[in-house]
Protein backbone atom coordinates (compact mmCIF):
# COMPACT_ATOMS: atom_id res chain seq x y z
CA UNK A 1 53.20 99.85 104.15
CA UNK A 2 52.35 98.88 100.58
CA UNK A 3 55.24 100.92 99.16
CA UNK A 4 57.70 99.31 101.72
CA UNK A 5 56.57 95.80 100.68
CA UNK A 6 56.91 96.78 97.05
CA UNK A 7 60.44 97.94 97.65
CA UNK A 8 61.27 94.74 99.54
CA UNK A 9 59.89 92.62 96.65
CA UNK A 10 61.84 94.58 94.10
CA UNK A 11 65.05 94.21 96.13
CA UNK A 12 64.28 90.54 96.51
CA UNK A 13 63.83 89.98 92.78
CA UNK A 14 66.87 92.14 92.17
CA UNK A 15 68.96 89.93 94.51
CA UNK A 16 67.47 86.85 92.78
CA UNK A 17 68.57 88.29 89.36
CA UNK A 18 72.14 89.12 90.26
CA UNK A 19 72.75 85.97 92.29
CA UNK A 20 71.28 84.01 89.36
CA UNK A 21 73.86 85.81 87.12
CA UNK A 22 76.65 84.86 89.46
CA UNK A 23 75.41 81.24 89.43
CA UNK A 24 75.26 81.22 85.64
CA UNK A 25 78.75 82.69 85.24
CA UNK A 26 80.16 80.16 87.73
CA UNK A 27 78.48 77.45 85.62
CA UNK A 28 79.94 78.80 82.46
CA UNK A 29 83.38 78.83 84.08
CA UNK A 30 83.00 75.11 84.87
CA UNK A 31 81.87 74.40 81.28
CA UNK A 32 78.35 73.20 82.29
CA UNK A 33 75.70 72.90 79.59
CA UNK A 34 72.61 75.12 79.21
CA UNK A 35 70.52 73.00 81.54
CA UNK A 36 73.29 73.01 84.17
CA UNK A 37 73.50 76.85 83.81
CA UNK A 38 69.77 77.32 84.28
CA UNK A 39 69.79 74.93 87.35
CA UNK A 40 72.73 76.70 89.04
CA UNK A 41 71.15 80.13 88.20
CA UNK A 42 67.84 79.17 89.98
CA UNK A 43 69.73 77.56 93.01
CA UNK A 44 72.04 80.51 93.45
CA UNK A 45 69.24 83.10 93.08
CA UNK A 46 66.66 81.44 95.21
CA UNK A 47 68.22 79.08 97.76
CA UNK A 48 68.82 81.78 100.39
CA UNK A 49 65.32 83.20 100.01
CA UNK A 50 63.76 79.78 100.28
CA UNK A 51 65.63 78.97 103.48
CA UNK A 52 64.68 82.28 104.91
CA UNK A 53 60.90 81.78 104.21
CA UNK A 54 60.90 78.19 105.63
CA UNK A 55 62.63 79.27 108.82
CA UNK A 56 60.21 82.17 109.48
CA UNK A 57 57.16 80.11 108.45
CA UNK A 58 56.40 82.12 105.33
CA UNK A 59 55.25 78.99 103.35
CA UNK A 60 55.19 78.10 100.60
CA UNK A 61 58.36 80.22 99.95
CA UNK A 62 57.95 83.17 97.58
CA UNK A 63 60.34 81.56 95.24
CA UNK A 64 58.03 78.63 94.71
CA UNK A 65 54.69 80.40 95.04
CA UNK A 66 55.43 83.23 92.56
CA UNK A 67 56.42 82.48 88.99
CA UNK A 68 58.31 85.76 88.98
CA UNK A 69 61.36 84.26 90.74
CA UNK A 70 61.65 81.46 88.24
CA UNK A 71 61.20 83.72 85.26
CA UNK A 72 63.94 86.09 86.64
CA UNK A 73 66.31 83.11 87.23
CA UNK A 74 65.70 81.73 83.78
CA UNK A 75 66.18 85.05 82.08
CA UNK A 76 69.45 85.56 84.02
CA UNK A 77 70.59 82.09 83.04
CA UNK A 78 69.76 82.57 79.41
CA UNK A 79 71.36 85.93 79.40
CA UNK A 80 74.59 84.45 80.79
CA UNK A 81 74.48 81.60 78.38
CA UNK A 82 74.13 83.59 75.23
CA UNK A 83 76.40 86.48 76.39
CA UNK A 84 79.20 84.43 77.91
CA UNK A 85 79.24 80.90 76.51
CA UNK A 86 82.72 80.07 75.33
CA UNK A 87 84.43 82.91 77.10
CA UNK A 88 87.33 82.14 79.33
CA UNK A 89 87.61 82.47 83.14
CA UNK A 90 85.16 85.13 84.49
CA UNK A 91 86.16 85.22 88.20
CA UNK A 92 85.97 88.87 88.76
CA UNK A 93 82.47 89.43 87.35
CA UNK A 94 81.16 86.47 89.41
CA UNK A 95 82.49 87.98 92.56
CA UNK A 96 81.00 91.42 91.94
CA UNK A 97 77.62 90.14 90.88
CA UNK A 98 77.79 87.99 94.06
CA UNK A 99 78.53 91.06 96.14
CA UNK A 100 75.48 92.92 94.76
CA UNK A 101 73.27 90.01 95.40
CA UNK A 102 74.58 89.58 98.88
CA UNK A 103 73.68 93.22 99.62
CA UNK A 104 70.16 92.90 98.18
CA UNK A 105 69.45 89.75 100.05
CA UNK A 106 70.84 90.82 103.37
CA UNK A 107 68.60 93.93 103.64
CA UNK A 108 65.53 92.07 102.34
CA UNK A 109 66.03 89.10 104.64
CA UNK A 110 66.47 91.34 107.69
CA UNK A 111 63.24 93.23 106.84
CA UNK A 112 61.18 90.16 106.26
CA UNK A 113 62.34 88.62 109.41
CA UNK A 114 61.23 91.81 111.36
CA UNK A 115 57.79 91.77 109.69
CA UNK A 116 57.36 88.16 110.88
CA UNK A 117 58.13 89.15 114.54
CA UNK A 118 61.65 88.02 114.97
CA UNK A 119 63.67 89.87 117.59
CA UNK A 120 66.47 92.23 116.37
CA UNK A 121 69.26 89.72 116.94
CA UNK A 122 67.59 86.85 115.16
CA UNK A 123 66.38 89.16 112.34
CA UNK A 124 70.03 90.19 111.73
CA UNK A 125 71.20 86.72 111.65
CA UNK A 126 68.45 85.63 109.32
CA UNK A 127 69.28 88.54 107.03
CA UNK A 128 72.84 87.34 106.94
CA UNK A 129 71.63 83.70 106.16
CA UNK A 130 69.49 84.99 103.32
CA UNK A 131 72.53 86.63 101.76
CA UNK A 132 74.87 83.70 102.05
CA UNK A 133 72.57 80.85 101.36
CA UNK A 134 72.52 81.01 97.51
CA UNK A 135 76.31 81.48 97.14
CA UNK A 136 77.00 78.63 99.56
CA UNK A 137 74.73 76.24 97.66
CA UNK A 138 76.14 77.40 94.41
CA UNK A 139 79.81 76.64 95.55
CA UNK A 140 78.84 73.35 97.08
CA UNK A 141 77.24 72.11 93.78
CA UNK A 142 80.43 73.18 92.07
CA UNK A 143 82.59 71.35 94.63
CA UNK A 144 84.29 74.53 95.85
CA UNK A 145 84.90 75.73 99.38
CA UNK A 146 82.01 78.20 99.93
CA UNK A 147 83.01 81.93 100.06
CA UNK A 148 81.60 82.24 103.45
CA UNK A 149 84.11 79.78 104.88
CA UNK A 150 87.11 81.57 103.45
CA UNK A 151 89.03 84.38 105.12
CA UNK A 152 87.72 87.27 102.99
CA UNK A 153 84.72 89.28 104.23
CA UNK A 154 81.47 87.60 103.20
CA UNK A 155 79.21 86.65 106.11
CA UNK A 156 80.36 89.61 108.04
CA UNK A 157 79.47 91.98 105.21
CA UNK A 158 75.93 90.50 105.01
CA UNK A 159 75.63 90.66 108.76
CA UNK A 160 76.67 94.32 108.69
CA UNK A 161 74.03 95.13 106.16
CA UNK A 162 71.36 93.24 107.83
CA UNK A 163 72.20 94.74 111.22
CA UNK A 164 71.94 98.27 109.74
CA UNK A 165 68.31 97.51 108.55
CA UNK A 166 67.52 96.03 112.01
CA UNK A 167 69.04 99.02 113.75
CA UNK A 168 67.19 101.39 111.53
CA UNK A 169 63.95 99.68 112.43
CA UNK A 170 64.67 99.90 116.22
CA UNK A 171 65.32 103.71 115.77
CA UNK A 172 62.28 104.25 113.62
CA UNK A 173 64.25 105.11 110.52
CA UNK A 174 62.47 104.47 107.14
CA UNK A 175 63.27 101.05 105.60
CA UNK A 176 64.23 102.77 102.29
CA UNK A 177 66.98 104.67 104.03
CA UNK A 178 68.24 101.77 106.25
CA UNK A 179 68.18 99.35 103.22
CA UNK A 180 70.15 101.80 101.09
CA UNK A 181 72.70 102.40 103.81
CA UNK A 182 72.96 98.68 104.76
CA UNK A 183 73.22 97.63 101.14
CA UNK A 184 75.97 100.13 100.43
CA UNK A 185 77.89 99.04 103.61
CA UNK A 186 77.57 95.34 102.62
CA UNK A 187 78.64 95.80 99.11
CA UNK A 188 81.46 98.20 100.23
CA UNK A 189 82.92 95.56 102.59
CA UNK A 190 82.84 92.93 99.86
CA UNK A 191 84.28 95.34 97.36
CA UNK A 192 87.14 95.98 99.66
CA UNK A 193 87.67 92.28 100.12
CA UNK A 194 87.69 91.60 96.39
CA UNK A 195 89.69 94.72 95.35
CA UNK A 196 92.04 95.29 98.21
CA UNK A 197 92.26 91.92 99.95
CA UNK A 198 90.55 92.85 103.19
CA UNK A 199 89.98 89.61 105.26
CA UNK A 200 89.48 88.35 108.62
CA UNK A 201 92.42 86.92 110.61
CA UNK A 202 93.30 83.33 110.19
CA UNK A 203 95.20 80.91 112.37
CA UNK A 204 98.97 80.93 111.97
CA UNK A 205 100.58 77.62 111.18
CA UNK A 206 104.22 76.78 111.98
CA UNK A 207 106.66 76.86 109.18
CA UNK A 208 107.00 73.07 109.26
CA UNK A 209 103.25 72.56 108.94
CA UNK A 210 102.90 75.16 106.19
CA UNK A 211 105.67 73.35 104.22
CA UNK A 212 104.04 69.99 104.70
CA UNK A 213 100.62 71.34 103.86
CA UNK A 214 99.06 70.10 107.11
CA UNK A 215 96.11 71.72 108.83
CA UNK A 216 94.08 71.27 111.99
């Protein structure tokens, strides 16, 4: 059990780091100053985990009770600032770091929900929420439409990764194995969406409405 919890903590901190990097890169793209970069790094790296912990009653949230999460976020923000300040658009790196963080958080969120007694369906949904929370808040603070609301695979990828962990727990499969498979599945779906344009279907508008730019 101790080794499983250690693995979950490492994945949680890993997700915090890569999501914090994605937040920092997004902040650099919008020409925020160093304070703005650090704030966005912390929000992107920890908002999903904080939301998860509050919903399952694990309070105070790990991101607020352990200094490690703050340190990881600050290091990621400073690394981004000193490595990329002044560089042009960095859209693709943001997307890939976001995909890695999504995979980490989805499998960790599902596991933590299971350990707190949630049923399999709710555990999978909470794993998805853990994955998408930081990216959503990052995009909202930058006044962008959150990735999860766009047509490419995002929430579905997180749900697939979380559901894999939940299914592994139901079948008695080691968390290390189910987390690896779920993380790879989640990242693979996001990679396909980024690289090959995989996406969910969207409503079709008439030619007239497309031309006029109207929407429902």
